[in-house]
Amino acid sequence: MKNNLDLGNAITIALTFILFFIALFATGFTKDILLEAGVLLVSAKIIIMGAANRNSNKEILKKLNEINQKLDAGRINETR
């Protein structure tokens, strides 16, 4: 797996885990644990989706720059 975590994402994940365990021991092992687990999973999923989106955008920009360079090269050849 690619390294998708930057410092901000790592801090957010760590803080979410810490808050999850605090809530776990504060409320006990009741039905509220399902709610806390859901919040934890949703938070992790949003962070992972954001990282994947960032990587996808980088690839798209790279391809667009390649296309732009080819178009510029074609324009230079046409003017000669």
N, C-alpha and C. Protein backbone atom coordinates (compact mmCIF):
# COMPACT_ATOMS: atom_id res chain seq x y z
N MET A 1 0.84 -1.18 0.00
CA MET A 1 0.00 0.00 0.00
C MET A 1 0.88 1.24 0.00
N LYS A 2 0.48 2.21 -0.78
CA LYS A 2 1.23 3.45 -0.85
C LYS A 2 1.12 4.21 0.46
N ASN A 3 2.08 5.08 0.69
CA ASN A 3 2.04 5.89 1.88
C ASN A 3 1.06 7.03 1.66
N ASN A 4 -0.17 6.88 2.15
CA ASN A 4 -1.23 7.86 1.94
C ASN A 4 -1.41 8.81 3.11
N LEU A 5 -0.62 8.64 4.16
CA LEU A 5 -0.84 9.44 5.35
C LEU A 5 0.18 10.56 5.45
N ASP A 6 -0.32 11.76 5.57
CA ASP A 6 0.56 12.86 5.90
C ASP A 6 0.43 13.12 7.40
N LEU A 7 1.10 14.11 7.90
CA LEU A 7 1.12 14.36 9.34
C LEU A 7 -0.28 14.69 9.87
N GLY A 8 -1.03 15.48 9.14
CA GLY A 8 -2.38 15.84 9.57
C GLY A 8 -3.30 14.64 9.69
N ASN A 9 -3.24 13.75 8.69
CA ASN A 9 -4.07 12.54 8.74
C ASN A 9 -3.65 11.62 9.87
N ALA A 10 -2.35 11.49 10.09
CA ALA A 10 -1.87 10.63 11.18
C ALA A 10 -2.32 11.16 12.54
N ILE A 11 -2.26 12.46 12.72
CA ILE A 11 -2.71 13.06 13.98
C ILE A 11 -4.21 12.85 14.16
N THR A 12 -4.98 13.03 13.09
CA THR A 12 -6.42 12.85 13.16
C THR A 12 -6.79 11.41 13.51
N ILE A 13 -6.12 10.45 12.90
CA ILE A 13 -6.40 9.04 13.20
C ILE A 13 -6.03 8.73 14.64
N ALA A 14 -4.87 9.21 15.09
CA ALA A 14 -4.45 8.94 16.47
C ALA A 14 -5.43 9.57 17.46
N LEU A 15 -5.85 10.80 17.21
CA LEU A 15 -6.80 11.46 18.10
C LEU A 15 -8.14 10.74 18.11
N THR A 16 -8.57 10.26 16.95
CA THR A 16 -9.83 9.52 16.88
C THR A 16 -9.76 8.24 17.69
N PHE A 17 -8.64 7.51 17.59
CA PHE A 17 -8.48 6.29 18.38
C PHE A 17 -8.46 6.60 19.87
N ILE A 18 -7.78 7.66 20.26
CA ILE A 18 -7.71 8.04 21.67
C ILE A 18 -9.11 8.37 22.20
N LEU A 19 -9.84 9.18 21.45
CA LEU A 19 -11.20 9.53 21.87
C LEU A 19 -12.11 8.30 21.88
N PHE A 20 -11.90 7.38 20.94
CA PHE A 20 -12.70 6.15 20.92
C PHE A 20 -12.48 5.35 22.20
N PHE A 21 -11.22 5.19 22.60
CA PHE A 21 -10.95 4.40 23.80
C PHE A 21 -11.40 5.12 25.07
N ILE A 22 -11.32 6.44 25.10
CA ILE A 22 -11.83 7.19 26.25
C ILE A 22 -13.35 6.99 26.36
N ALA A 23 -14.04 7.12 25.22
CA ALA A 23 -15.50 6.93 25.23
C ALA A 23 -15.85 5.49 25.57
N LEU A 24 -15.02 4.56 25.15
CA LEU A 24 -15.27 3.15 25.43
C LEU A 24 -15.25 2.88 26.93
N PHE A 25 -14.27 3.43 27.62
CA PHE A 25 -14.18 3.18 29.05
C PHE A 25 -15.08 4.11 29.86
N ALA A 26 -15.43 5.27 29.30
CA ALA A 26 -16.33 6.18 30.01
C ALA A 26 -17.76 5.66 29.99
N THR A 27 -18.19 5.10 28.87
CA THR A 27 -19.57 4.62 28.76
C THR A 27 -19.67 3.14 29.08
N GLY A 28 -18.55 2.46 29.07
CA GLY A 28 -18.58 1.02 29.34
C GLY A 28 -18.93 0.25 28.09
N PHE A 29 -18.98 -1.04 28.25
CA PHE A 29 -19.28 -1.92 27.13
C PHE A 29 -20.79 -2.10 27.01
N THR A 30 -21.46 -1.04 26.60
CA THR A 30 -22.91 -1.09 26.43
C THR A 30 -23.22 -1.03 24.94
N LYS A 31 -24.49 -0.80 24.64
CA LYS A 31 -24.86 -0.71 23.22
C LYS A 31 -24.27 0.53 22.55
N ASP A 32 -23.81 1.49 23.35
CA ASP A 32 -23.19 2.69 22.79
C ASP A 32 -21.87 2.39 22.10
N ILE A 33 -21.31 1.23 22.37
CA ILE A 33 -20.04 0.89 21.72
C ILE A 33 -20.21 0.77 20.20
N LEU A 34 -21.40 0.37 19.76
CA LEU A 34 -21.65 0.29 18.32
C LEU A 34 -21.62 1.68 17.69
N LEU A 35 -22.17 2.66 18.38
CA LEU A 35 -22.14 4.03 17.89
C LEU A 35 -20.72 4.55 17.83
N GLU A 36 -19.95 4.30 18.87
CA GLU A 36 -18.56 4.76 18.90
C GLU A 36 -17.73 4.08 17.81
N ALA A 37 -17.96 2.78 17.61
CA ALA A 37 -17.24 2.06 16.56
C ALA A 37 -17.62 2.59 15.18
N GLY A 38 -18.88 2.94 15.00
CA GLY A 38 -19.32 3.51 13.73
C GLY A 38 -18.65 4.85 13.45
N VAL A 39 -18.57 5.69 14.47
CA VAL A 39 -17.90 6.98 14.31
C VAL A 39 -16.43 6.77 13.96
N LEU A 40 -15.79 5.81 14.61
CA LEU A 40 -14.39 5.51 14.33
C LEU A 40 -14.20 5.05 12.89
N LEU A 41 -15.04 4.15 12.44
CA LEU A 41 -14.92 3.64 11.08
C LEU A 41 -15.21 4.71 10.03
N VAL A 42 -16.21 5.53 10.27
CA VAL A 42 -16.52 6.60 9.32
C VAL A 42 -15.37 7.60 9.24
N SER A 43 -14.80 7.94 10.37
CA SER A 43 -13.67 8.88 10.38
C SER A 43 -12.49 8.31 9.60
N ALA A 44 -12.18 7.05 9.83
CA ALA A 44 -11.06 6.42 9.11
C ALA A 44 -11.34 6.35 7.61
N LYS A 45 -12.57 6.04 7.25
CA LYS A 45 -12.94 5.94 5.84
C LYS A 45 -12.83 7.29 5.14
N ILE A 46 -13.24 8.35 5.80
CA ILE A 46 -13.15 9.68 5.20
C ILE A 46 -11.70 10.06 4.97
N ILE A 47 -10.83 9.75 5.93
CA ILE A 47 -9.41 10.07 5.78
C ILE A 47 -8.80 9.27 4.64
N ILE A 48 -9.13 7.99 4.54
CA ILE A 48 -8.59 7.15 3.48
C ILE A 48 -9.10 7.62 2.11
N MET A 49 -10.38 7.99 2.03
CA MET A 49 -10.92 8.48 0.77
C MET A 49 -10.26 9.79 0.35
N GLY A 50 -9.99 10.67 1.31
CA GLY A 50 -9.31 11.92 1.01
C GLY A 50 -7.92 11.69 0.46
N ALA A 51 -7.20 10.75 1.06
CA ALA A 51 -5.85 10.45 0.59
C ALA A 51 -5.88 9.84 -0.81
N ALA A 52 -6.83 8.94 -1.05
CA ALA A 52 -6.95 8.34 -2.38
C ALA A 52 -7.33 9.39 -3.42
N ASN A 53 -8.19 10.32 -3.05
CA ASN A 53 -8.59 11.40 -3.95
C ASN A 53 -7.40 12.29 -4.27
N ARG A 54 -6.57 12.58 -3.28
CA ARG A 54 -5.38 13.41 -3.49
C ARG A 54 -4.43 12.72 -4.47
N ASN A 55 -4.23 11.42 -4.32
CA ASN A 55 -3.35 10.68 -5.23
C ASN A 55 -3.92 10.65 -6.64
N SER A 56 -5.22 10.47 -6.75
CA SER A 56 -5.86 10.46 -8.05
C SER A 56 -5.71 11.82 -8.74
N ASN A 57 -5.89 12.88 -7.98
CA ASN A 57 -5.74 14.22 -8.56
C ASN A 57 -4.32 14.46 -9.04
N LYS A 58 -3.33 13.97 -8.32
CA LYS A 58 -1.94 14.12 -8.74
C LYS A 58 -1.70 13.41 -10.07
N GLU A 59 -2.25 12.21 -10.22
CA GLU A 59 -2.09 11.47 -11.47
C GLU A 59 -2.78 12.18 -12.63
N ILE A 60 -3.97 12.73 -12.39
CA ILE A 60 -4.69 13.44 -13.44
C ILE A 60 -3.92 14.68 -13.86
N LEU A 61 -3.39 15.43 -12.89
CA LEU A 61 -2.61 16.62 -13.23
C LEU A 61 -1.36 16.26 -14.01
N LYS A 62 -0.73 15.15 -13.67
CA LYS A 62 0.47 14.71 -14.39
C LYS A 62 0.12 14.41 -15.85
N LYS A 63 -0.99 13.71 -16.07
CA LYS A 63 -1.39 13.38 -17.43
C LYS A 63 -1.80 14.63 -18.21
N LEU A 64 -2.48 15.56 -17.55
CA LEU A 64 -2.86 16.80 -18.22
C LEU A 64 -1.63 17.62 -18.61
N ASN A 65 -0.63 17.64 -17.76
CA ASN A 65 0.61 18.34 -18.09
C ASN A 65 1.31 17.69 -19.28
N GLU A 66 1.29 16.36 -19.36
CA GLU A 66 1.88 15.66 -20.50
C GLU A 66 1.14 16.03 -21.79
N ILE A 67 -0.18 16.06 -21.73
CA ILE A 67 -0.98 16.43 -22.90
C ILE A 67 -0.67 17.86 -23.32
N ASN A 68 -0.58 18.75 -22.33
CA ASN A 68 -0.28 20.15 -22.62
C ASN A 68 1.09 20.30 -23.27
N GLN A 69 2.07 19.55 -22.80
CA GLN A 69 3.41 19.61 -23.40
C GLN A 69 3.39 19.11 -24.83
N LYS A 70 2.63 18.04 -25.11
CA LYS A 70 2.53 17.52 -26.48
C LYS A 70 1.84 18.52 -27.39
N LEU A 71 0.80 19.19 -26.88
CA LEU A 71 0.12 20.20 -27.68
C LEU A 71 1.05 21.38 -27.98
N ASP A 72 1.82 21.80 -26.97
CA ASP A 72 2.76 22.89 -27.18
C ASP A 72 3.84 22.50 -28.19
N ALA A 73 4.30 21.26 -28.13
CA ALA A 73 5.32 20.79 -29.07
C ALA A 73 4.74 20.77 -30.50
N GLY A 74 3.47 20.40 -30.63
CA GLY A 74 2.83 20.39 -31.93
C GLY A 74 2.67 21.78 -32.51
N ARG A 75 2.39 22.75 -31.65
CA ARG A 75 2.25 24.14 -32.10
C ARG A 75 3.59 24.68 -32.58
N ILE A 76 4.66 24.34 -31.91
CA ILE A 76 6.00 24.79 -32.30
C ILE A 76 6.37 24.22 -33.67
N ASN A 77 6.04 22.94 -33.88
CA ASN A 77 6.35 22.31 -35.17
C ASN A 77 5.53 22.91 -36.31
N GLU A 78 4.28 23.32 -36.02
CA GLU A 78 3.43 23.91 -37.06
C GLU A 78 3.92 25.27 -37.50
N THR A 79 4.56 26.03 -36.61
CA THR A 79 5.00 27.38 -36.95
C THR A 79 6.26 27.36 -37.78
N ARG A 80 6.96 26.26 -37.85
CA ARG A 80 8.22 26.18 -38.63
C ARG A 80 7.96 26.00 -40.07
